[in-house]
Amino acid sequence: MQDWWKTTFPKGRQILRITDANGYPVSIAYGEKGTGKPLFLIHGIGGWSYNWRYNIETLAKYFRVICFDAKGYGFSDKPLYRERNDHQIIEFKRIISALCDRSAIVLGESLGGLISLAVAQEYPELISDLIVVNVPIFPEGLPHWGMSLLSQIPLELLQAADLGRIPSVFAPLVKEILAIERRSVLFDPTKFTEKDADWMSYPYIHFPGTLTKAAEDIQIAVKEIQRNQNNQPNLISKIQKNLAVIKCPTLILWGQQDSWFSYKHGEKLAKLLPNSQLKIIPNCDHDASSGSPEAVNAAVLEFLKTVEK
C-alpha cells in the first residue's frame, strides 16, 4: 500500500513529543496541510487520523488542518501502563499548546467531540470555535456489541495477545471484523472500501498495544457511565453540568439516522450550550465524517465563514 500519510500531507507523518497525563514522554503522530488559522480534527474511539480522509483536502483550502492520532491509537505510542480517566483531555490540551501559538478551531467526532467539550470548558483560551459531531454527551450504555465484548475481557489478557502478535497472525479476521464494525455505522455501507478496511485495521495488525489501549478506553467509558447512573463523581456529569461555561461559537452536527446516539441528544445539547447551533444531517449514521463528508464539510465551512468574519 502507498503510505497514506505521505500522499495526504505535504510533510507526511510527523512526530510530536509531549508529556502524557501520567508524566511520561510519548510520541504523537500527526500530519498537517494548508495555511491560516489552525483547525484540529479529533477522531473517536478506536479510530485514527484516517477517519478524516474525506475532510482534510477540502478544509485545508481554507485552514491549517492538523490531524493527530490520540495516544494509544493509529501511529502514536501505546504505553503498557494504565491510564487516568481524563488522560485524553490533558493530552489534547498539551498537543494544541505544542503545535499552536494562537487559539484554534476544533472539530471533534464522537468521543473526540466529548473530549473537545471538556477542553473548551477547562482551557477556553485554546479554542476559538468548536464543532462536535455525534458526541456521546448523554450516554446510557455502550452502543455496540464489539465494545461490550472488549469491556469484559481483562486488559492483561488483551495485552498478552497484543504482545504475542495475535492480531497479526489473524490479520484477515481482524480486517473483516473492523470492516463489519465500520460499515455498521454508515448509512451507505458500500462507502467503506477494501482500501479503507486495509488502513483502518493497519494499526491493530501491525502495532502491538492498539487493541489493548482501545479496550482500556472502552472500559474507562463503562465505569464513567456506571458512575454517572449511580450519581457518583464522574467526568460525564462534570462535562454535562459545565456546558454553560463554554462561550465559544459551537456547531453541533448530528446524523439523523445515528444508530449509536439519537439526534435527540443533539437537540438537548443545543439547549444547554449558550452559543450553539444544531444541524441535523439527513441520510447519515454515526460515522458522519466518512459517511457524509460533503455535508459535514459544507456545514463546517458555512459555520466558520459566519463566525470568523
C-alpha atoms as a PDB file:
ATOM      1  CA  MET A   1       0.000   0.000   0.000  1.00  0.00           C
ATOM      2  CA  GLN A   2       1.058   3.586  -0.565  1.00  0.00           C
ATOM      3  CA  ASP A   3       1.943   5.489   2.587  1.00  0.00           C
ATOM      4  CA  TRP A   4      -1.319   7.290   3.435  1.00  0.00           C
ATOM      5  CA  TRP A   5       0.497   9.962   5.427  1.00  0.00           C
ATOM      6  CA  LYS A   6       2.837  10.803   2.527  1.00  0.00           C
ATOM      7  CA  THR A   7       0.035  11.005  -0.003  1.00  0.00           C
ATOM      8  CA  THR A   8      -2.173  13.127   2.290  1.00  0.00           C
ATOM      9  CA  PHE A   9       0.158  15.645   3.955  1.00  0.00           C
ATOM     10  CA  PRO A  10       2.984  17.676   2.358  1.00  0.00           C
ATOM     11  CA  LYS A  11       5.427  16.632   5.097  1.00  0.00           C
ATOM     12  CA  GLY A  12       3.957  13.182   5.554  1.00  0.00           C
ATOM     13  CA  ARG A  13       3.729  11.795   9.067  1.00  0.00           C
ATOM     14  CA  GLN A  14       5.340  13.987  11.701  1.00  0.00           C
ATOM     15  CA  ILE A  15       6.102  13.221  15.335  1.00  0.00           C
ATOM     16  CA  LEU A  16       5.331  15.426  18.325  1.00  0.00           C
ATOM     17  CA  ARG A  17       6.824  14.603  21.718  1.00  0.00           C
ATOM     18  CA  ILE A  18       4.672  15.523  24.709  1.00  0.00           C
ATOM     19  CA  THR A  19       4.489  14.598  28.366  1.00  0.00           C
ATOM     20  CA  ASP A  20       1.366  12.495  28.826  1.00  0.00           C
ATOM     21  CA  ALA A  21      -1.152  12.593  31.673  1.00  0.00           C
ATOM     22  CA  ASN A  22       0.956  10.113  33.656  1.00  0.00           C
ATOM     23  CA  GLY A  23       4.064  12.281  33.366  1.00  0.00           C
ATOM     24  CA  TYR A  24       5.888  10.140  30.786  1.00  0.00           C
ATOM     25  CA  PRO A  25       7.224  11.257  27.383  1.00  0.00           C
ATOM     26  CA  VAL A  26       5.237   9.880  24.430  1.00  0.00           C
ATOM     27  CA  SER A  27       5.326  10.309  20.676  1.00  0.00           C
ATOM     28  CA  ILE A  28       2.184  11.555  18.920  1.00  0.00           C
ATOM     29  CA  ALA A  29       1.802  11.004  15.176  1.00  0.00           C
ATOM     30  CA  TYR A  30       0.292  13.890  13.249  1.00  0.00           C
ATOM     31  CA  GLY A  31       0.036  15.472   9.830  1.00  0.00           C
ATOM     32  CA  GLU A  32      -0.906  18.932   8.666  1.00  0.00           C
ATOM     33  CA  LYS A  33      -1.972  20.579   5.447  1.00  0.00           C
ATOM     34  CA  GLY A  34      -2.940  24.116   4.460  1.00  0.00           C
ATOM     35  CA  THR A  35      -2.242  27.518   5.938  1.00  0.00           C
ATOM     36  CA  GLY A  36      -4.081  30.021   8.080  1.00  0.00           C
ATOM     37  CA  LYS A  37      -5.916  29.518  11.336  1.00  0.00           C
ATOM     38  CA  PRO A  38      -5.278  26.080  12.892  1.00  0.00           C
ATOM     39  CA  LEU A  39      -8.121  23.564  12.668  1.00  0.00           C
ATOM     40  CA  PHE A  40      -7.714  20.355  14.688  1.00  0.00           C
ATOM     41  CA  LEU A  41      -9.564  17.182  13.686  1.00  0.00           C
ATOM     42  CA  ILE A  42     -10.145  14.834  16.644  1.00  0.00           C
ATOM     43  CA  HIS A  43     -11.112  11.222  15.897  1.00  0.00           C
ATOM     44  CA  GLY A  44     -13.329   8.986  18.003  1.00  0.00           C
ATOM     45  CA  ILE A  45     -12.681   5.794  19.953  1.00  0.00           C
ATOM     46  CA  GLY A  46     -10.955   3.025  18.016  1.00  0.00           C
ATOM     47  CA  GLY A  47     -10.085   5.303  15.108  1.00  0.00           C
ATOM     48  CA  TRP A  48      -7.134   7.380  13.958  1.00  0.00           C
ATOM     49  CA  SER A  49      -6.389  10.228  11.550  1.00  0.00           C
ATOM     50  CA  TYR A  50      -7.524   8.145   8.575  1.00  0.00           C
ATOM     51  CA  ASN A  51     -11.105   8.702   9.763  1.00  0.00           C
ATOM     52  CA  TRP A  52     -10.815  12.226   8.327  1.00  0.00           C
ATOM     53  CA  ARG A  53      -9.649  11.113   4.857  1.00  0.00           C
ATOM     54  CA  TYR A  54     -12.572  12.817   3.090  1.00  0.00           C
ATOM     55  CA  ASN A  55     -12.371  16.090   5.029  1.00  0.00           C
ATOM     56  CA  ILE A  56      -8.710  17.060   5.060  1.00  0.00           C
ATOM     57  CA  GLU A  57      -8.329  18.199   1.438  1.00  0.00           C
ATOM     58  CA  THR A  58     -11.451  20.375   1.411  1.00  0.00           C
ATOM     59  CA  LEU A  59     -10.874  22.033   4.793  1.00  0.00           C
ATOM     60  CA  ALA A  60      -7.159  22.578   4.079  1.00  0.00           C
ATOM     61  CA  LYS A  61      -8.094  25.012   1.289  1.00  0.00           C
ATOM     62  CA  TYR A  62      -9.130  27.474   3.985  1.00  0.00           C
ATOM     63  CA  PHE A  63      -7.311  26.455   7.195  1.00  0.00           C
ATOM     64  CA  ARG A  64      -4.160  24.875   8.593  1.00  0.00           C
ATOM     65  CA  VAL A  65      -5.655  21.438   9.149  1.00  0.00           C
ATOM     66  CA  ILE A  66      -3.959  19.328  11.825  1.00  0.00           C
ATOM     67  CA  CYS A  67      -4.799  15.632  12.278  1.00  0.00           C
ATOM     68  CA  PHE A  68      -3.263  13.604  15.070  1.00  0.00           C
ATOM     69  CA  ASP A  69      -3.595  10.090  16.413  1.00  0.00           C
ATOM     70  CA  ALA A  70      -4.505  10.159  20.091  1.00  0.00           C
ATOM     71  CA  LYS A  71      -2.104   8.266  22.344  1.00  0.00           C
ATOM     72  CA  GLY A  72      -2.869   4.577  22.055  1.00  0.00           C
ATOM     73  CA  TYR A  73      -4.305   4.864  18.540  1.00  0.00           C
ATOM     74  CA  GLY A  74      -3.056   4.784  14.974  1.00  0.00           C
ATOM     75  CA  PHE A  75       0.660   5.503  14.679  1.00  0.00           C
ATOM     76  CA  SER A  76       1.081   7.135  18.117  1.00  0.00           C
ATOM     77  CA  ASP A  77       2.737   5.471  21.120  1.00  0.00           C
ATOM     78  CA  LYS A  78       0.880   2.746  23.014  1.00  0.00           C
ATOM     79  CA  PRO A  79       2.414   2.581  26.502  1.00  0.00           C
ATOM     80  CA  LEU A  80       1.910  -0.520  28.638  1.00  0.00           C
ATOM     81  CA  TYR A  81       0.819   1.321  31.796  1.00  0.00           C
ATOM     82  CA  ARG A  82      -2.796   2.004  32.719  1.00  0.00           C
ATOM     83  CA  GLU A  83      -4.425   5.377  32.030  1.00  0.00           C
ATOM     84  CA  ARG A  84      -6.176   8.056  34.063  1.00  0.00           C
ATOM     85  CA  ASN A  85      -9.827   8.504  33.125  1.00  0.00           C
ATOM     86  CA  ASP A  86      -9.124  12.080  31.955  1.00  0.00           C
ATOM     87  CA  HIS A  87      -5.889  11.365  30.097  1.00  0.00           C
ATOM     88  CA  GLN A  88      -7.163  12.343  26.636  1.00  0.00           C
ATOM     89  CA  ILE A  89      -8.345  15.750  27.880  1.00  0.00           C
ATOM     90  CA  ILE A  90      -4.947  16.533  29.384  1.00  0.00           C
ATOM     91  CA  GLU A  91      -3.051  15.247  26.358  1.00  0.00           C
ATOM     92  CA  PHE A  92      -5.190  17.090  23.809  1.00  0.00           C
ATOM     93  CA  LYS A  93      -4.583  20.315  25.697  1.00  0.00           C
ATOM     94  CA  ARG A  94      -0.833  19.699  25.531  1.00  0.00           C
ATOM     95  CA  ILE A  95      -0.959  18.878  21.819  1.00  0.00           C
ATOM     96  CA  ILE A  96      -2.777  22.125  20.989  1.00  0.00           C
ATOM     97  CA  SER A  97      -0.364  24.137  23.133  1.00  0.00           C
ATOM     98  CA  ALA A  98       2.663  22.498  21.484  1.00  0.00           C
ATOM     99  CA  LEU A  99       1.527  22.993  17.890  1.00  0.00           C
ATOM    100  CA  CYS A 100      -0.158  26.415  18.088  1.00  0.00           C
ATOM    101  CA  ASP A 101       0.683  29.878  19.374  1.00  0.00           C
ATOM    102  CA  ARG A 102      -2.912  31.042  18.966  1.00  0.00           C
ATOM    103  CA  SER A 103      -6.393  29.761  19.702  1.00  0.00           C
ATOM    104  CA  ALA A 104      -7.579  27.033  17.359  1.00  0.00           C
ATOM    105  CA  ILE A 105     -10.736  25.734  15.756  1.00  0.00           C
ATOM    106  CA  VAL A 106     -11.574  22.220  16.919  1.00  0.00           C
ATOM    107  CA  LEU A 107     -13.674  19.639  15.082  1.00  0.00           C
ATOM    108  CA  GLY A 108     -14.280  16.515  17.153  1.00  0.00           C
ATOM    109  CA  GLU A 109     -16.306  13.441  16.265  1.00  0.00           C
ATOM    110  CA  SER A 110     -17.907  11.010  18.750  1.00  0.00           C
ATOM    111  CA  LEU A 111     -15.542  10.598  21.737  1.00  0.00           C
ATOM    112  CA  GLY A 112     -13.341  13.259  20.132  1.00  0.00           C
ATOM    113  CA  GLY A 113     -16.277  15.643  20.466  1.00  0.00           C
ATOM    114  CA  LEU A 114     -16.705  14.848  24.158  1.00  0.00           C
ATOM    115  CA  ILE A 115     -13.010  15.484  24.780  1.00  0.00           C
ATOM    116  CA  SER A 116     -13.278  18.746  22.844  1.00  0.00           C
ATOM    117  CA  LEU A 117     -16.163  19.933  25.029  1.00  0.00           C
ATOM    118  CA  ALA A 118     -14.111  19.200  28.146  1.00  0.00           C
ATOM    119  CA  VAL A 119     -11.071  21.084  26.819  1.00  0.00           C
ATOM    120  CA  ALA A 120     -13.280  24.052  25.876  1.00  0.00           C
ATOM    121  CA  GLN A 121     -14.534  24.117  29.469  1.00  0.00           C
ATOM    122  CA  GLU A 122     -11.170  23.802  31.196  1.00  0.00           C
ATOM    123  CA  TYR A 123      -8.953  25.703  28.741  1.00  0.00           C
ATOM    124  CA  PRO A 124     -11.224  28.218  26.977  1.00  0.00           C
ATOM    125  CA  GLU A 125      -8.251  30.254  25.754  1.00  0.00           C
ATOM    126  CA  LEU A 126      -7.191  27.384  23.477  1.00  0.00           C
ATOM    127  CA  ILE A 127     -10.404  27.059  21.412  1.00  0.00           C
ATOM    128  CA  SER A 128     -11.929  29.901  19.405  1.00  0.00           C
ATOM    129  CA  ASP A 129     -14.614  27.885  17.592  1.00  0.00           C
ATOM    130  CA  LEU A 130     -15.917  24.384  18.214  1.00  0.00           C
ATOM    131  CA  ILE A 131     -17.663  21.776  16.079  1.00  0.00           C
ATOM    132  CA  VAL A 132     -18.823  18.496  17.619  1.00  0.00           C
ATOM    133  CA  VAL A 133     -20.262  15.580  15.650  1.00  0.00           C
ATOM    134  CA  ASN A 134     -22.467  12.836  17.138  1.00  0.00           C
ATOM    135  CA  VAL A 135     -20.961  13.411  20.567  1.00  0.00           C
ATOM    136  CA  PRO A 136     -21.714  10.901  23.387  1.00  0.00           C
ATOM    137  CA  ILE A 137     -22.707  13.562  25.900  1.00  0.00           C
ATOM    138  CA  PHE A 138     -25.761  11.704  27.272  1.00  0.00           C
ATOM    139  CA  PRO A 139     -24.757   8.022  27.025  1.00  0.00           C
ATOM    140  CA  GLU A 140     -26.961   5.357  28.555  1.00  0.00           C
ATOM    141  CA  GLY A 141     -24.602   2.472  27.813  1.00  0.00           C
ATOM    142  CA  LEU A 142     -22.141   1.151  25.256  1.00  0.00           C
ATOM    143  CA  PRO A 143     -23.637   1.498  21.777  1.00  0.00           C
ATOM    144  CA  HIS A 144     -22.046  -1.505  20.066  1.00  0.00           C
ATOM    145  CA  TRP A 145     -21.702  -5.250  20.744  1.00  0.00           C
ATOM    146  CA  GLY A 146     -17.984  -5.191  19.983  1.00  0.00           C
ATOM    147  CA  MET A 147     -17.435  -2.568  22.657  1.00  0.00           C
ATOM    148  CA  SER A 148     -19.435  -4.613  25.147  1.00  0.00           C
ATOM    149  CA  LEU A 149     -17.254  -7.634  24.393  1.00  0.00           C
ATOM    150  CA  LEU A 150     -13.997  -5.708  24.837  1.00  0.00           C
ATOM    151  CA  SER A 151     -15.285  -4.161  28.049  1.00  0.00           C
ATOM    152  CA  GLN A 152     -15.474  -7.607  29.651  1.00  0.00           C
ATOM    153  CA  ILE A 153     -12.069  -9.014  28.657  1.00  0.00           C
ATOM    154  CA  PRO A 154      -9.287  -8.460  31.223  1.00  0.00           C
ATOM    155  CA  LEU A 155      -6.747  -5.960  29.914  1.00  0.00           C
ATOM    156  CA  GLU A 156      -3.906  -8.291  30.951  1.00  0.00           C
ATOM    157  CA  LEU A 157      -5.252 -10.956  28.587  1.00  0.00           C
ATOM    158  CA  LEU A 158      -5.606  -8.496  25.718  1.00  0.00           C
ATOM    159  CA  GLN A 159      -2.126  -7.147  26.374  1.00  0.00           C
ATOM    160  CA  ALA A 160      -0.664 -10.658  26.245  1.00  0.00           C
ATOM    161  CA  ALA A 161      -2.431 -11.252  22.920  1.00  0.00           C
ATOM    162  CA  ASP A 162      -1.177  -7.912  21.601  1.00  0.00           C
ATOM    163  CA  LEU A 163       2.421  -8.516  22.629  1.00  0.00           C
ATOM    164  CA  GLY A 164       2.205 -12.034  21.224  1.00  0.00           C
ATOM    165  CA  ARG A 165       1.225 -10.503  17.869  1.00  0.00           C
ATOM    166  CA  ILE A 166      -2.042 -12.482  17.769  1.00  0.00           C
ATOM    167  CA  PRO A 167      -3.814  -9.751  15.708  1.00  0.00           C
ATOM    168  CA  SER A 168      -1.044 -10.073  13.116  1.00  0.00           C
ATOM    169  CA  VAL A 169      -1.446 -13.856  12.953  1.00  0.00           C
ATOM    170  CA  PHE A 170      -5.178 -13.448  12.379  1.00  0.00           C
ATOM    171  CA  ALA A 171      -4.861 -10.356  10.163  1.00  0.00           C
ATOM    172  CA  PRO A 172      -7.639 -11.298   7.670  1.00  0.00           C
ATOM    173  CA  LEU A 173     -10.091 -11.869  10.535  1.00  0.00           C
ATOM    174  CA  VAL A 174      -9.132  -8.609  12.267  1.00  0.00           C
ATOM    175  CA  LYS A 175      -9.586  -6.747   9.000  1.00  0.00           C
ATOM    176  CA  GLU A 176     -13.007  -8.326   8.409  1.00  0.00           C
ATOM    177  CA  ILE A 177     -14.231  -7.562  11.939  1.00  0.00           C
ATOM    178  CA  LEU A 178     -13.121  -3.935  11.612  1.00  0.00           C
ATOM    179  CA  ALA A 179     -14.865  -3.678   8.231  1.00  0.00           C
ATOM    180  CA  ILE A 180     -18.119  -5.048   9.653  1.00  0.00           C
ATOM    181  CA  GLU A 181     -17.945  -2.629  12.575  1.00  0.00           C
ATOM    182  CA  ARG A 182     -17.211   0.422  10.404  1.00  0.00           C
ATOM    183  CA  ARG A 183     -19.907  -0.434   7.856  1.00  0.00           C
ATOM    184  CA  SER A 184     -22.450  -0.783  10.670  1.00  0.00           C
ATOM    185  CA  VAL A 185     -22.195   2.955  11.415  1.00  0.00           C
ATOM    186  CA  LEU A 186     -22.541   4.114   7.801  1.00  0.00           C
ATOM    187  CA  PHE A 187     -25.890   4.968   6.231  1.00  0.00           C
ATOM    188  CA  ASP A 188     -24.470   3.549   2.984  1.00  0.00           C
ATOM    189  CA  PRO A 189     -22.151   0.655   3.951  1.00  0.00           C
ATOM    190  CA  THR A 190     -20.769   0.388   0.409  1.00  0.00           C
ATOM    191  CA  LYS A 191     -18.832   3.617   1.002  1.00  0.00           C
ATOM    192  CA  PHE A 192     -16.384   1.651   3.146  1.00  0.00           C
ATOM    193  CA  THR A 193     -13.977   0.146   0.602  1.00  0.00           C
ATOM    194  CA  GLU A 194     -11.400  -2.622   0.682  1.00  0.00           C
ATOM    195  CA  LYS A 195      -8.711   0.047   0.877  1.00  0.00           C
ATOM    196  CA  ASP A 196     -10.488   1.577   3.869  1.00  0.00           C
ATOM    197  CA  ALA A 197     -10.529  -1.821   5.570  1.00  0.00           C
ATOM    198  CA  ASP A 198      -6.781  -2.178   4.969  1.00  0.00           C
ATOM    199  CA  TRP A 199      -5.967   1.184   6.530  1.00  0.00           C
ATOM    200  CA  MET A 200      -8.440   1.144   9.415  1.00  0.00           C
ATOM    201  CA  SER A 201      -7.176  -2.271  10.539  1.00  0.00           C
ATOM    202  CA  TYR A 202      -3.491  -1.466   9.893  1.00  0.00           C
ATOM    203  CA  PRO A 203      -2.624  -0.224  13.424  1.00  0.00           C
ATOM    204  CA  TYR A 204      -4.385  -3.184  15.061  1.00  0.00           C
ATOM    205  CA  ILE A 205      -2.457  -5.666  12.927  1.00  0.00           C
ATOM    206  CA  HIS A 206       0.966  -4.015  12.858  1.00  0.00           C
ATOM    207  CA  PHE A 207       1.304  -2.085  16.146  1.00  0.00           C
ATOM    208  CA  PRO A 208       1.115  -4.167  19.340  1.00  0.00           C
ATOM    209  CA  GLY A 209      -0.888  -2.424  22.032  1.00  0.00           C
ATOM    210  CA  THR A 210      -3.545  -0.873  19.780  1.00  0.00           C
ATOM    211  CA  LEU A 211      -6.262  -3.355  20.754  1.00  0.00           C
ATOM    212  CA  THR A 212      -5.376  -3.086  24.443  1.00  0.00           C
ATOM    213  CA  LYS A 213      -5.483   0.720  24.509  1.00  0.00           C
ATOM    214  CA  ALA A 214      -8.815   0.837  22.640  1.00  0.00           C
ATOM    215  CA  ALA A 215     -10.266  -1.683  25.096  1.00  0.00           C
ATOM    216  CA  GLU A 216      -8.880   0.302  28.025  1.00  0.00           C
ATOM    217  CA  ASP A 217     -10.638   3.476  26.888  1.00  0.00           C
ATOM    218  CA  ILE A 218     -13.850   1.465  26.457  1.00  0.00           C
ATOM    219  CA  GLN A 219     -13.515   0.095  29.983  1.00  0.00           C
ATOM    220  CA  ILE A 220     -12.891   3.597  31.302  1.00  0.00           C
ATOM    221  CA  ALA A 221     -16.073   4.709  29.497  1.00  0.00           C
ATOM    222  CA  VAL A 222     -18.091   1.863  31.073  1.00  0.00           C
ATOM    223  CA  LYS A 223     -17.010   2.889  34.564  1.00  0.00           C
ATOM    224  CA  GLU A 224     -17.800   6.541  33.853  1.00  0.00           C
ATOM    225  CA  ILE A 225     -21.286   5.669  32.564  1.00  0.00           C
ATOM    226  CA  GLN A 226     -21.952   3.484  35.611  1.00  0.00           C
ATOM    227  CA  ARG A 227     -20.794   6.202  37.993  1.00  0.00           C
ATOM    228  CA  ASN A 228     -22.987   8.702  36.185  1.00  0.00           C
ATOM    229  CA  GLN A 229     -26.019   6.426  36.551  1.00  0.00           C
ATOM    230  CA  ASN A 230     -25.225   5.896  40.247  1.00  0.00           C
ATOM    231  CA  ASN A 231     -24.790   9.642  40.886  1.00  0.00           C
ATOM    232  CA  GLN A 232     -21.134   9.154  41.788  1.00  0.00           C
ATOM    233  CA  PRO A 233     -18.390  11.609  40.746  1.00  0.00           C
ATOM    234  CA  ASN A 234     -17.588  11.131  37.055  1.00  0.00           C
ATOM    235  CA  LEU A 235     -16.329  13.009  34.012  1.00  0.00           C
ATOM    236  CA  ILE A 236     -19.559  12.736  32.020  1.00  0.00           C
ATOM    237  CA  SER A 237     -21.745  14.519  34.567  1.00  0.00           C
ATOM    238  CA  LYS A 238     -18.993  17.077  35.142  1.00  0.00           C
ATOM    239  CA  ILE A 239     -18.980  17.944  31.439  1.00  0.00           C
ATOM    240  CA  GLN A 240     -22.803  17.983  31.359  1.00  0.00           C
ATOM    241  CA  LYS A 241     -23.058  20.331  34.340  1.00  0.00           C
ATOM    242  CA  ASN A 242     -20.473  22.761  32.949  1.00  0.00           C
ATOM    243  CA  LEU A 243     -21.787  23.100  29.390  1.00  0.00           C
ATOM    244  CA  ALA A 244     -22.964  26.646  30.084  1.00  0.00           C
ATOM    245  CA  VAL A 245     -19.386  27.827  30.681  1.00  0.00           C
ATOM    246  CA  ILE A 246     -18.490  27.184  27.029  1.00  0.00           C
ATOM    247  CA  LYS A 247     -18.723  30.606  25.399  1.00  0.00           C
ATOM    248  CA  CYS A 248     -17.083  29.997  22.026  1.00  0.00           C
ATOM    249  CA  PRO A 249     -19.344  29.633  18.971  1.00  0.00           C
ATOM    250  CA  THR A 250     -20.267  25.962  18.670  1.00  0.00           C
ATOM    251  CA  LEU A 251     -21.777  23.955  15.837  1.00  0.00           C
ATOM    252  CA  ILE A 252     -23.445  20.663  16.729  1.00  0.00           C
ATOM    253  CA  LEU A 253     -23.727  18.212  13.838  1.00  0.00           C
ATOM    254  CA  TRP A 254     -25.783  15.044  14.168  1.00  0.00           C
ATOM    255  CA  GLY A 255     -26.651  12.222  11.807  1.00  0.00           C
ATOM    256  CA  GLN A 256     -30.415  11.828  11.588  1.00  0.00           C
ATOM    257  CA  GLN A 257     -30.004   8.043  11.459  1.00  0.00           C
ATOM    258  CA  ASP A 258     -27.262   7.828  14.089  1.00  0.00           C
ATOM    259  CA  SER A 259     -27.628   4.270  15.391  1.00  0.00           C
ATOM    260  CA  TRP A 260     -25.382   4.875  18.402  1.00  0.00           C
ATOM    261  CA  PHE A 261     -26.764   8.122  19.850  1.00  0.00           C
ATOM    262  CA  SER A 262     -30.096   9.632  18.826  1.00  0.00           C
ATOM    263  CA  TYR A 263     -30.175  13.087  17.248  1.00  0.00           C
ATOM    264  CA  LYS A 264     -32.485  13.929  20.165  1.00  0.00           C
ATOM    265  CA  HIS A 265     -29.289  14.116  22.206  1.00  0.00           C
ATOM    266  CA  GLY A 266     -28.149  16.856  19.836  1.00  0.00           C
ATOM    267  CA  GLU A 267     -31.342  18.796  20.424  1.00  0.00           C
ATOM    268  CA  LYS A 268     -30.832  18.502  24.176  1.00  0.00           C
ATOM    269  CA  LEU A 269     -27.194  19.573  23.899  1.00  0.00           C
ATOM    270  CA  ALA A 270     -28.106  22.631  21.822  1.00  0.00           C
ATOM    271  CA  LYS A 271     -30.438  23.836  24.590  1.00  0.00           C
ATOM    272  CA  LEU A 272     -27.641  23.618  27.144  1.00  0.00           C
ATOM    273  CA  LEU A 273     -24.873  25.265  25.096  1.00  0.00           C
ATOM    274  CA  PRO A 274     -25.469  29.042  25.144  1.00  0.00           C
ATOM    275  CA  ASN A 275     -23.696  29.974  21.895  1.00  0.00           C
ATOM    276  CA  SER A 276     -24.511  26.952  19.769  1.00  0.00           C
ATOM    277  CA  GLN A 277     -26.462  25.921  16.709  1.00  0.00           C
ATOM    278  CA  LEU A 278     -27.625  22.466  15.677  1.00  0.00           C
ATOM    279  CA  LYS A 279     -27.675  20.956  12.204  1.00  0.00           C
ATOM    280  CA  ILE A 280     -29.183  17.515  11.576  1.00  0.00           C
ATOM    281  CA  ILE A 281     -27.618  15.685   8.627  1.00  0.00           C
ATOM    282  CA  PRO A 282     -30.119  13.520   6.709  1.00  0.00           C
ATOM    283  CA  ASN A 283     -29.183  10.049   5.449  1.00  0.00           C
ATOM    284  CA  CYS A 284     -26.321   9.924   7.932  1.00  0.00           C
ATOM    285  CA  ASP A 285     -25.416   7.372  10.608  1.00  0.00           C
ATOM    286  CA  HIS A 286     -22.876   7.725  13.438  1.00  0.00           C
ATOM    287  CA  ASP A 287     -19.760   7.882  11.246  1.00  0.00           C
ATOM    288  CA  ALA A 288     -20.579  11.227   9.653  1.00  0.00           C
ATOM    289  CA  SER A 289     -17.081  12.349   8.652  1.00  0.00           C
ATOM    290  CA  SER A 290     -16.629   9.457   6.226  1.00  0.00           C
ATOM    291  CA  GLY A 291     -20.276   8.580   5.607  1.00  0.00           C
ATOM    292  CA  SER A 292     -21.491  12.089   4.730  1.00  0.00           C
ATOM    293  CA  PRO A 293     -18.271  14.085   4.184  1.00  0.00           C
ATOM    294  CA  GLU A 294     -19.753  16.534   1.701  1.00  0.00           C
ATOM    295  CA  ALA A 295     -22.493  17.544   4.146  1.00  0.00           C
ATOM    296  CA  VAL A 296     -20.039  17.763   7.052  1.00  0.00           C
ATOM    297  CA  ASN A 297     -17.535  19.832   5.072  1.00  0.00           C
ATOM    298  CA  ALA A 298     -20.214  22.208   3.796  1.00  0.00           C
ATOM    299  CA  ALA A 299     -21.713  22.696   7.259  1.00  0.00           C
ATOM    300  CA  VAL A 300     -18.296  23.305   8.845  1.00  0.00           C
ATOM    301  CA  LEU A 301     -17.238  25.841   6.223  1.00  0.00           C
ATOM    302  CA  GLU A 302     -20.577  27.677   6.334  1.00  0.00           C
ATOM    303  CA  PHE A 303     -20.390  27.880  10.132  1.00  0.00           C
ATOM    304  CA  LEU A 304     -16.800  29.096  10.170  1.00  0.00           C
ATOM    305  CA  LYS A 305     -17.435  31.580   7.393  1.00  0.00           C
ATOM    306  CA  THR A 306     -20.070  33.168   9.608  1.00  0.00           C
ATOM    307  CA  VAL A 307     -18.242  33.163  12.953  1.00  0.00           C
ATOM    308  CA  GLU A 308     -14.803  34.043  11.572  1.00  0.00           C
ATOM    309  CA  LYS A 309     -15.985  37.313   9.987  1.00  0.00           C
END
